[in-house]
Amino acid sequence: MKIGKRETQRLAKRAEIIGVARQHFFENGFDGTTMSAIAAQLGGSKRTLWSYFSSKEELFVAVIEDTTASVRGGMDFSGLGDTPLEKLTNLSRSVIERMVSPLAVQMYRLVSSLSDRHPELVRTFFERGPSRTRVKIADYIRVNFADLLWTDDFMTAGDDLVGFATAHFHFQSLWGIAAPPTAKQKDARARLAAILFLRAYGRDPDMLVPKEVLVETGATLAAA
């Protein structure tokens, strides 16, 4: 459906507001950010800003939705690959890439700081962000691998795949205790995550991933 010029301009302005607000939230935290400061950077009146968002909380939720949609949108659900191992490796690689991206890391750091004072915003973040990503990954596994797996709890299976792929890198990035992983490290971790997943959940794990492939991939990761 085609939208008019006025609506296009309004959507563009809304996106600009969200972008500026995200910068303020990342730099100053939720409590340290004011609508007045955001309006001043935008160069308009506070009345204009309030006409788009009725509160700082509403604006923050918009930032959550925009940021998490951007992170989720970069994940590869195309199903590329000739084998289950290749397909899951490609998905795991794209999940790693997005989870250690500066945008995702900054968002997680910001939300983590809100758990005591603003638990409702943390809950909103989980519902609008990670929860929706979990559903999308679970649906992908159900559609593409259900006949290969012994479980029909695709949500838990998806959680485990993401954990295998990202836990190590994500926490290092979140806490800033290591250099960002290299492309070679991401590739090796993604392949290992896919192997561990198929060996843990496959009806016939030795057919899907022979043990020697697991050993070889573990050695590759150690050398990466």
Protein backbone atom coordinates (compact mmCIF):
# COMPACT_ATOMS: atom_id res chain seq x y z
CA MET A 1 0.00 0.00 0.00
CA LYS A 2 1.38 3.37 -1.04
CA ILE A 3 1.64 6.04 1.65
CA GLY A 4 1.45 9.76 1.10
CA LYS A 5 4.19 12.35 1.39
CA ARG A 6 2.98 13.58 4.77
CA GLU A 7 3.01 10.11 6.28
CA THR A 8 6.43 9.42 4.75
CA GLN A 9 7.78 12.57 6.39
CA ARG A 10 6.22 11.63 9.71
CA LEU A 11 7.79 8.16 9.60
CA ALA A 12 11.16 9.69 8.72
CA LYS A 13 10.89 12.11 11.63
CA ARG A 14 9.92 9.30 13.98
CA ALA A 15 12.97 7.31 12.88
CA GLU A 16 15.18 10.36 13.44
CA ILE A 17 13.80 10.79 16.96
CA ILE A 18 14.42 7.13 17.78
CA GLY A 19 17.99 7.36 16.48
CA VAL A 20 18.79 10.44 18.58
CA ALA A 21 17.06 8.96 21.64
CA ARG A 22 19.03 5.71 21.30
CA GLN A 23 22.27 7.69 21.36
CA HIS A 24 21.18 9.52 24.52
CA PHE A 25 20.05 6.34 26.26
CA PHE A 26 23.29 4.55 25.38
CA GLU A 27 25.45 7.44 26.57
CA ASN A 28 23.50 8.61 29.61
CA GLY A 29 21.35 5.66 30.66
CA PHE A 30 17.60 5.77 31.06
CA ASP A 31 17.52 7.93 34.18
CA GLY A 32 20.17 10.30 32.86
CA THR A 33 18.31 10.97 29.63
CA THR A 34 15.73 13.75 29.37
CA MET A 35 13.15 14.55 26.74
CA SER A 36 14.39 18.15 26.82
CA ALA A 37 17.92 17.11 25.82
CA ILE A 38 16.60 14.93 23.01
CA ALA A 39 14.39 17.76 21.74
CA ALA A 40 17.32 20.18 21.88
CA GLN A 41 19.50 17.92 19.74
CA LEU A 42 16.69 17.43 17.27
CA GLY A 43 16.42 21.19 16.96
CA GLY A 44 12.67 21.31 17.43
CA SER A 45 10.31 22.09 20.25
CA LYS A 46 9.47 19.72 23.08
CA ARG A 47 5.89 19.93 21.88
CA THR A 48 6.91 18.34 18.58
CA LEU A 49 8.70 15.51 20.38
CA TRP A 50 5.73 14.92 22.68
CA SER A 51 3.44 14.74 19.65
CA TYR A 52 5.31 11.58 18.63
CA PHE A 53 5.93 10.06 22.06
CA SER A 54 3.85 10.86 25.13
CA SER A 55 6.55 9.89 27.65
CA LYS A 56 10.18 8.94 27.99
CA GLU A 57 9.06 5.38 28.72
CA GLU A 58 7.13 5.20 25.46
CA LEU A 59 10.14 6.52 23.56
CA PHE A 60 12.38 3.98 25.26
CA VAL A 61 10.07 1.15 24.22
CA ALA A 62 10.25 2.44 20.64
CA VAL A 63 14.05 2.34 20.87
CA ILE A 64 13.85 -1.23 22.18
CA GLU A 65 11.62 -2.33 19.31
CA ASP A 66 13.71 -0.61 16.66
CA THR A 67 17.01 -1.91 18.02
CA THR A 68 15.94 -5.49 18.59
CA ALA A 69 14.23 -5.64 15.19
CA SER A 70 17.47 -4.48 13.59
CA VAL A 71 19.48 -7.14 15.42
CA ARG A 72 16.96 -9.88 14.66
CA GLY A 73 16.67 -8.78 11.02
CA GLY A 74 20.38 -9.44 10.49
CA MET A 75 20.07 -13.12 11.37
CA ASP A 76 20.21 -15.52 8.43
CA PHE A 77 17.12 -17.70 8.21
CA SER A 78 17.56 -18.41 4.52
CA GLY A 79 18.45 -22.04 5.15
CA LEU A 80 21.52 -21.91 2.92
CA GLY A 81 23.59 -25.08 2.90
CA ASP A 82 23.43 -28.59 1.49
CA THR A 83 23.39 -30.40 4.83
CA PRO A 84 21.82 -29.83 8.26
CA LEU A 85 25.29 -29.09 9.62
CA GLU A 86 25.91 -26.38 7.02
CA LYS A 87 22.48 -24.83 7.52
CA LEU A 88 22.82 -24.67 11.30
CA THR A 89 26.39 -23.40 11.01
CA ASN A 90 25.23 -20.53 8.83
CA LEU A 91 22.43 -19.66 11.25
CA SER A 92 24.77 -19.87 14.24
CA ARG A 93 27.33 -17.68 12.48
CA SER A 94 24.77 -14.96 11.82
CA VAL A 95 23.48 -15.17 15.41
CA ILE A 96 27.03 -14.73 16.72
CA GLU A 97 27.60 -11.77 14.42
CA ARG A 98 24.50 -9.98 15.63
CA MET A 99 24.91 -10.80 19.33
CA VAL A 100 28.43 -9.37 19.51
CA SER A 101 27.62 -6.34 17.36
CA PRO A 102 28.11 -2.97 19.08
CA LEU A 103 24.38 -2.27 18.77
CA ALA A 104 23.37 -5.46 20.60
CA VAL A 105 26.09 -5.14 23.23
CA GLN A 106 25.16 -1.54 24.04
CA MET A 107 21.48 -2.46 24.26
CA TYR A 108 22.14 -5.35 26.64
CA ARG A 109 24.40 -3.18 28.80
CA LEU A 110 21.71 -0.51 29.00
CA VAL A 111 18.92 -2.94 29.87
CA SER A 112 21.07 -4.74 32.46
CA SER A 113 21.44 -1.47 34.36
CA LEU A 114 17.66 -1.14 34.69
CA SER A 115 16.87 -4.38 36.50
CA ASP A 116 16.56 -2.84 39.99
CA ARG A 117 14.93 0.53 39.29
CA HIS A 118 12.90 -0.25 36.18
CA PRO A 119 12.08 -3.97 36.04
CA GLU A 120 9.04 -3.26 33.85
CA LEU A 121 11.31 -1.92 31.10
CA VAL A 122 13.53 -4.99 31.35
CA ARG A 123 10.45 -7.17 30.99
CA THR A 124 9.36 -5.16 27.96
CA PHE A 125 12.80 -5.59 26.42
CA PHE A 126 12.63 -9.35 26.88
CA GLU A 127 9.13 -9.59 25.43
CA ARG A 128 9.80 -7.34 22.42
CA GLY A 129 13.35 -8.52 21.76
CA PRO A 130 14.85 -11.85 22.88
CA SER A 131 11.45 -13.53 23.23
CA ARG A 132 10.52 -12.79 19.62
CA THR A 133 13.92 -13.97 18.45
CA ARG A 134 13.46 -17.23 20.39
CA VAL A 135 10.16 -17.86 18.63
CA LYS A 136 11.69 -17.20 15.21
CA ILE A 137 14.60 -19.58 15.83
CA ALA A 138 12.27 -22.24 17.25
CA ASP A 139 10.03 -21.99 14.18
CA TYR A 140 13.04 -22.29 11.89
CA ILE A 141 14.19 -25.46 13.65
CA ARG A 142 10.67 -26.93 13.60
CA VAL A 143 10.21 -26.30 9.87
CA ASN A 144 13.66 -27.45 8.78
CA PHE A 145 14.79 -30.11 11.25
CA ALA A 146 11.77 -31.60 13.03
CA ASP A 147 12.16 -35.00 11.34
CA LEU A 148 15.83 -35.20 12.34
CA LEU A 149 15.39 -34.46 16.05
CA TRP A 150 14.12 -36.56 18.94
CA THR A 151 12.41 -33.58 20.61
CA ASP A 152 9.42 -31.43 19.74
CA ASP A 153 10.37 -28.78 22.29
CA PHE A 154 11.81 -26.52 19.65
CA MET A 155 11.97 -23.49 21.94
CA THR A 156 14.38 -25.20 24.32
CA ALA A 157 16.33 -26.67 21.42
CA GLY A 158 16.68 -23.19 19.93
CA ASP A 159 17.81 -21.77 23.26
CA ASP A 160 20.52 -24.42 23.42
CA LEU A 161 21.69 -23.70 19.89
CA VAL A 162 22.03 -20.00 20.69
CA GLY A 163 23.78 -20.83 23.96
CA PHE A 164 26.28 -23.11 22.23
CA ALA A 165 26.96 -20.39 19.67
CA THR A 166 27.04 -17.17 21.63
CA ALA A 167 27.41 -17.55 25.40
CA HIS A 168 31.21 -17.31 25.49
CA PHE A 169 31.54 -14.41 23.06
CA HIS A 170 28.44 -12.56 24.24
CA PHE A 171 29.50 -12.30 27.88
CA GLN A 172 33.06 -11.36 26.97
CA SER A 173 31.70 -8.60 24.75
CA LEU A 174 29.12 -7.50 27.32
CA TRP A 175 31.69 -7.14 30.05
CA GLY A 176 34.47 -5.87 27.79
CA ILE A 177 37.00 -8.40 29.09
CA ALA A 178 38.40 -9.57 25.76
CA ALA A 179 39.06 -8.32 22.27
CA PRO A 180 36.20 -8.83 19.81
CA PRO A 181 36.28 -12.34 18.31
CA THR A 182 37.90 -12.67 14.92
CA ALA A 183 36.08 -13.94 11.85
CA LYS A 184 38.01 -17.21 12.16
CA GLN A 185 36.91 -17.62 15.80
CA LYS A 186 33.30 -16.90 14.90
CA ASP A 187 33.40 -19.43 12.07
CA ALA A 188 34.85 -22.14 14.29
CA ARG A 189 32.42 -21.45 17.15
CA ALA A 190 29.42 -21.47 14.78
CA ARG A 191 30.41 -24.84 13.36
CA LEU A 192 31.01 -26.28 16.82
CA ALA A 193 27.61 -25.00 18.00
CA ALA A 194 25.89 -26.71 15.07
CA ILE A 195 27.77 -29.95 15.75
CA LEU A 196 26.95 -29.93 19.47
CA PHE A 197 23.31 -29.22 18.69
CA LEU A 198 22.99 -32.07 16.18
CA ARG A 199 24.79 -34.53 18.43
CA ALA A 200 22.63 -33.52 21.41
CA TYR A 201 19.28 -33.46 19.63
CA GLY A 202 19.69 -35.65 16.56
CA ARG A 203 17.80 -38.94 16.35
CA ASP A 204 20.90 -40.40 14.73
CA PRO A 205 23.76 -38.11 15.80
CA ASP A 206 26.53 -40.29 14.36
CA MET A 207 24.91 -40.09 10.94
CA LEU A 208 24.44 -36.32 11.16
CA VAL A 209 27.88 -35.57 12.63
CA PRO A 210 30.52 -38.29 13.02
CA LYS A 211 32.57 -38.00 16.22
CA GLU A 212 35.76 -37.33 14.30
CA VAL A 213 34.19 -34.16 12.88
CA LEU A 214 33.51 -32.98 16.42
CA VAL A 215 37.11 -33.61 17.46
CA GLU A 216 38.44 -31.89 14.36
CA THR A 217 36.23 -28.83 14.88
CA GLY A 218 37.21 -28.56 18.54
CA ALA A 219 40.85 -28.50 17.53
CA THR A 220 40.12 -25.81 14.96
CA LEU A 221 38.41 -23.67 17.57
CA ALA A 222 41.32 -24.05 19.99
CA ALA A 223 43.73 -22.90 17.28
CA ALA A 224 41.58 -19.99 16.11
